[in-house]
Amino acid sequence: MAKVTKDNGIKFFGEIDLNDTTGEIKSDMPAWYFDIHIMELEESMDRKKRMIDRGVVDPDQVPVLRNQIEGDRARLEAINKSRPDLSGRYKDMAWKAYESLQQQIKDTMPTRKESRDGLVNPHEELDRLKKKHIAINPEVAKACGVNVVRGHITGDEANKCYQILGKALGENTNIEKIRREGNSEATRSIHELTKLILSNQRVE
């Protein structure tokens, strides 16, 4: 996976997301992305505090719980510290990448009608997800932990970048929400163009 360096202008992964030894990103998504995990961490801290305050735990377990609370607090602080603070040209850069990815993902995904009618070719779908055919700003891709080849990333990598950017910008992160319905000649033409593009790409 891509490494994160301290001089990156735009970053979505913080210190908490990096391997202590190699400095490489150790997870697919940044820790701040998952609201449910943050809520669970906060609830765990509150529950342990209440247990201590109410005296419902053995006295010899109180130091253990206090240590756990401090560990949870440190992790929560690290997560909050890792949240991206987009402003100026970096926010513009993120917006442009987000909008570009949304359009490219939408244009290359099979439509809902094709999926319903069983018209999705599994080999073409594998190519769409695994071949480097989606254009992206290399700086944004690197910040999302994705390696670019000749200015392009795979469909899977595009989905990941789209979700990270969407979360950072407070926008949609659900890939299914941008899937086209289908049925039109324009839709079929775009699909044929996508197949042509993919047929001229090699899997990286």
Protein backbone atom coordinates (compact mmCIF):
# COMPACT_ATOMS: atom_id res chain seq x y z
CA MET A 1 0.00 0.00 0.00
CA ALA A 2 1.03 3.62 -0.42
CA LYS A 3 3.12 5.30 2.24
CA VAL A 4 2.09 8.50 3.94
CA THR A 5 4.79 11.09 4.44
CA LYS A 6 4.70 14.15 6.66
CA ASP A 7 5.04 16.56 3.72
CA ASN A 8 1.82 15.45 1.99
CA GLY A 9 -0.28 18.53 1.28
CA ILE A 10 -3.54 16.61 1.41
CA LYS A 11 -3.93 13.65 3.78
CA PHE A 12 -6.80 11.34 4.67
CA PHE A 13 -4.83 8.83 6.74
CA GLY A 14 -3.25 9.92 10.03
CA GLU A 15 -0.64 8.46 12.34
CA ILE A 16 -3.22 6.14 13.88
CA ASP A 17 -3.70 4.47 10.48
CA LEU A 18 -0.02 3.72 9.89
CA ASN A 19 2.12 0.71 10.67
CA ASP A 20 4.60 1.76 13.37
CA THR A 21 7.47 -0.09 11.69
CA THR A 22 6.98 0.47 7.97
CA GLY A 23 5.00 3.72 7.95
CA GLU A 24 2.56 2.18 5.49
CA ILE A 25 -1.21 2.45 5.73
CA LYS A 26 -2.46 -0.61 7.59
CA SER A 27 -6.20 -0.42 6.82
CA ASP A 28 -8.37 0.10 3.76
CA MET A 29 -10.21 3.09 5.21
CA PRO A 30 -9.11 5.78 7.69
CA ALA A 31 -10.22 5.38 11.30
CA TRP A 32 -12.28 8.61 11.23
CA TYR A 33 -14.42 7.21 8.39
CA PHE A 34 -16.37 4.85 10.65
CA ASP A 35 -18.86 6.80 12.77
CA ILE A 36 -20.18 3.62 14.38
CA HIS A 37 -16.73 2.66 15.69
CA ILE A 38 -16.26 6.12 17.18
CA MET A 39 -19.67 5.94 18.84
CA GLU A 40 -18.86 2.50 20.25
CA LEU A 41 -15.58 3.83 21.65
CA GLU A 42 -17.34 6.75 23.33
CA GLU A 43 -20.06 4.47 24.73
CA SER A 44 -17.43 2.07 26.06
CA MET A 45 -15.70 4.90 27.92
CA ASP A 46 -18.99 6.18 29.37
CA ARG A 47 -20.05 2.70 30.46
CA LYS A 48 -16.79 2.04 32.30
CA LYS A 49 -16.94 5.44 33.98
CA ARG A 50 -20.48 4.72 35.21
CA MET A 51 -19.42 1.34 36.55
CA ILE A 52 -16.65 2.97 38.58
CA ASP A 53 -18.87 5.83 39.80
CA ARG A 54 -21.62 3.44 40.92
CA GLY A 55 -19.20 1.09 42.64
CA VAL A 56 -20.48 -1.97 40.82
CA VAL A 57 -17.01 -3.42 40.18
CA ASP A 58 -14.52 -4.97 42.56
CA PRO A 59 -12.03 -2.42 43.92
CA ASP A 60 -9.11 -4.36 42.43
CA GLN A 61 -10.68 -3.98 38.96
CA VAL A 62 -10.99 -0.20 39.18
CA PRO A 63 -7.36 0.47 38.11
CA VAL A 64 -7.84 -1.90 35.18
CA LEU A 65 -10.94 -0.05 34.02
CA ARG A 66 -9.23 3.32 34.46
CA ASN A 67 -6.37 2.15 32.26
CA GLN A 68 -8.84 0.97 29.64
CA ILE A 69 -10.62 4.33 29.74
CA GLU A 70 -7.34 6.15 29.22
CA GLY A 71 -6.52 3.86 26.31
CA ASP A 72 -9.92 4.52 24.75
CA ARG A 73 -9.50 8.27 25.28
CA ALA A 74 -6.06 8.25 23.65
CA ARG A 75 -7.39 6.34 20.64
CA LEU A 76 -10.37 8.68 20.30
CA GLU A 77 -8.08 11.72 20.41
CA ALA A 78 -5.82 10.15 17.78
CA ILE A 79 -8.81 9.49 15.52
CA ASN A 80 -10.09 13.04 15.87
CA LYS A 81 -6.61 14.40 15.23
CA SER A 82 -6.41 12.38 12.01
CA ARG A 83 -9.56 13.93 10.53
CA PRO A 84 -8.70 15.86 7.35
CA ASP A 85 -9.00 19.64 7.55
CA LEU A 86 -9.65 20.54 3.94
CA SER A 87 -9.36 24.18 2.99
CA GLY A 88 -8.21 26.35 0.13
CA ARG A 89 -6.79 24.59 -2.90
CA TYR A 90 -6.89 21.21 -1.16
CA LYS A 91 -10.64 21.45 -0.71
CA ASP A 92 -10.99 22.46 -4.37
CA MET A 93 -8.76 19.55 -5.34
CA ALA A 94 -10.88 17.14 -3.29
CA TRP A 95 -14.12 18.45 -4.80
CA LYS A 96 -12.85 18.15 -8.36
CA ALA A 97 -11.64 14.59 -7.75
CA TYR A 98 -14.91 13.65 -6.04
CA GLU A 99 -17.07 14.98 -8.88
CA SER A 100 -14.85 13.41 -11.54
CA LEU A 101 -14.88 10.02 -9.81
CA GLN A 102 -18.64 10.15 -9.36
CA GLN A 103 -19.18 10.70 -13.06
CA GLN A 104 -16.65 8.07 -14.16
CA ILE A 105 -17.96 5.44 -11.74
CA LYS A 106 -21.54 6.18 -12.80
CA ASP A 107 -20.65 5.95 -16.50
CA THR A 108 -18.77 2.65 -16.21
CA MET A 109 -21.01 0.77 -13.77
CA PRO A 110 -23.61 -1.62 -15.16
CA THR A 111 -27.06 -0.09 -14.94
CA ARG A 112 -29.76 -1.33 -12.58
CA LYS A 113 -31.68 -2.65 -15.56
CA GLU A 114 -28.67 -4.61 -16.80
CA SER A 115 -28.20 -6.07 -13.33
CA ARG A 116 -31.89 -6.95 -12.99
CA ASP A 117 -32.01 -8.53 -16.44
CA GLY A 118 -28.85 -10.58 -15.88
CA LEU A 119 -27.01 -8.81 -18.69
CA VAL A 120 -23.81 -8.05 -16.77
CA ASN A 121 -20.87 -9.95 -18.24
CA PRO A 122 -18.80 -11.21 -15.28
CA HIS A 123 -15.52 -10.94 -17.21
CA GLU A 124 -16.24 -7.34 -18.21
CA GLU A 125 -17.24 -6.52 -14.64
CA LEU A 126 -13.99 -8.02 -13.34
CA ASP A 127 -12.06 -5.91 -15.85
CA ARG A 128 -13.95 -2.80 -14.75
CA LEU A 129 -13.04 -3.40 -11.12
CA LYS A 130 -9.44 -4.55 -11.57
CA LYS A 131 -8.05 -2.66 -14.56
CA LYS A 132 -6.52 0.82 -14.27
CA HIS A 133 -9.00 2.83 -16.34
CA ILE A 134 -10.35 5.57 -14.02
CA ALA A 135 -8.50 8.90 -14.27
CA ILE A 136 -7.63 10.71 -11.03
CA ASN A 137 -5.35 13.41 -9.66
CA PRO A 138 -2.29 11.40 -8.47
CA GLU A 139 -1.96 13.57 -5.35
CA VAL A 140 -5.51 12.76 -4.29
CA ALA A 141 -5.06 9.06 -5.02
CA LYS A 142 -1.90 8.95 -2.92
CA ALA A 143 -3.70 10.66 -0.04
CA CYS A 144 -6.36 7.94 -0.27
CA GLY A 145 -3.71 5.21 -0.06
CA VAL A 146 -4.00 4.21 -3.71
CA ASN A 147 -1.16 3.79 -6.21
CA VAL A 148 -1.67 5.37 -9.63
CA VAL A 149 -0.45 3.84 -12.89
CA ARG A 150 -0.15 6.34 -15.74
CA GLY A 151 -2.74 8.60 -14.11
CA HIS A 152 -5.34 5.85 -13.66
CA ILE A 153 -6.72 3.59 -10.91
CA THR A 154 -9.01 0.55 -10.91
CA GLY A 155 -12.76 0.54 -10.41
CA ASP A 156 -12.32 -0.88 -6.90
CA GLU A 157 -9.79 1.82 -6.07
CA ALA A 158 -12.07 4.50 -7.52
CA ASN A 159 -14.87 3.34 -5.23
CA LYS A 160 -12.55 3.60 -2.24
CA CYS A 161 -11.34 7.09 -3.16
CA TYR A 162 -14.91 8.23 -3.84
CA GLN A 163 -16.04 7.07 -0.41
CA ILE A 164 -13.12 8.69 1.43
CA LEU A 165 -13.57 11.96 -0.43
CA GLY A 166 -17.32 11.90 0.10
CA LYS A 167 -16.93 11.37 3.82
CA ALA A 168 -14.35 14.15 4.12
CA LEU A 169 -16.58 16.55 2.18
CA GLY A 170 -19.83 15.56 3.90
CA GLU A 171 -21.26 14.16 0.67
CA ASN A 172 -22.61 10.83 -0.55
CA THR A 173 -20.43 7.76 0.01
CA ASN A 174 -22.93 5.12 -1.17
CA ILE A 175 -21.85 3.80 -4.58
CA GLU A 176 -25.27 2.32 -5.28
CA LYS A 177 -26.90 5.75 -5.09
CA ILE A 178 -25.08 6.86 -8.24
CA ARG A 179 -25.84 3.77 -10.33
CA ARG A 180 -27.80 4.60 -13.48
CA GLU A 181 -31.23 3.13 -14.17
CA GLY A 182 -30.54 2.32 -17.82
CA ASN A 183 -33.00 1.81 -20.71
CA SER A 184 -31.78 4.62 -22.98
CA GLU A 185 -29.72 4.59 -26.16
CA ALA A 186 -27.28 6.98 -24.51
CA THR A 187 -26.80 4.54 -21.65
CA ARG A 188 -26.07 1.70 -24.06
CA SER A 189 -23.63 3.88 -26.01
CA ILE A 190 -21.73 4.81 -22.85
CA HIS A 191 -21.60 1.15 -21.84
CA GLU A 192 -20.19 0.14 -25.23
CA LEU A 193 -17.58 2.92 -24.98
CA THR A 194 -16.58 1.67 -21.54
CA LYS A 195 -16.10 -1.86 -22.86
CA LEU A 196 -13.94 -0.50 -25.68
CA ILE A 197 -11.77 1.45 -23.22
CA LEU A 198 -11.36 -1.58 -20.97
CA SER A 199 -10.52 -3.86 -23.87
CA ASN A 200 -7.52 -1.66 -24.64
CA GLN A 201 -6.25 -1.67 -21.05
CA ARG A 202 -4.17 -4.36 -19.44
CA VAL A 203 -4.65 -5.54 -15.87
CA GLU A 204 -2.02 -4.01 -13.53
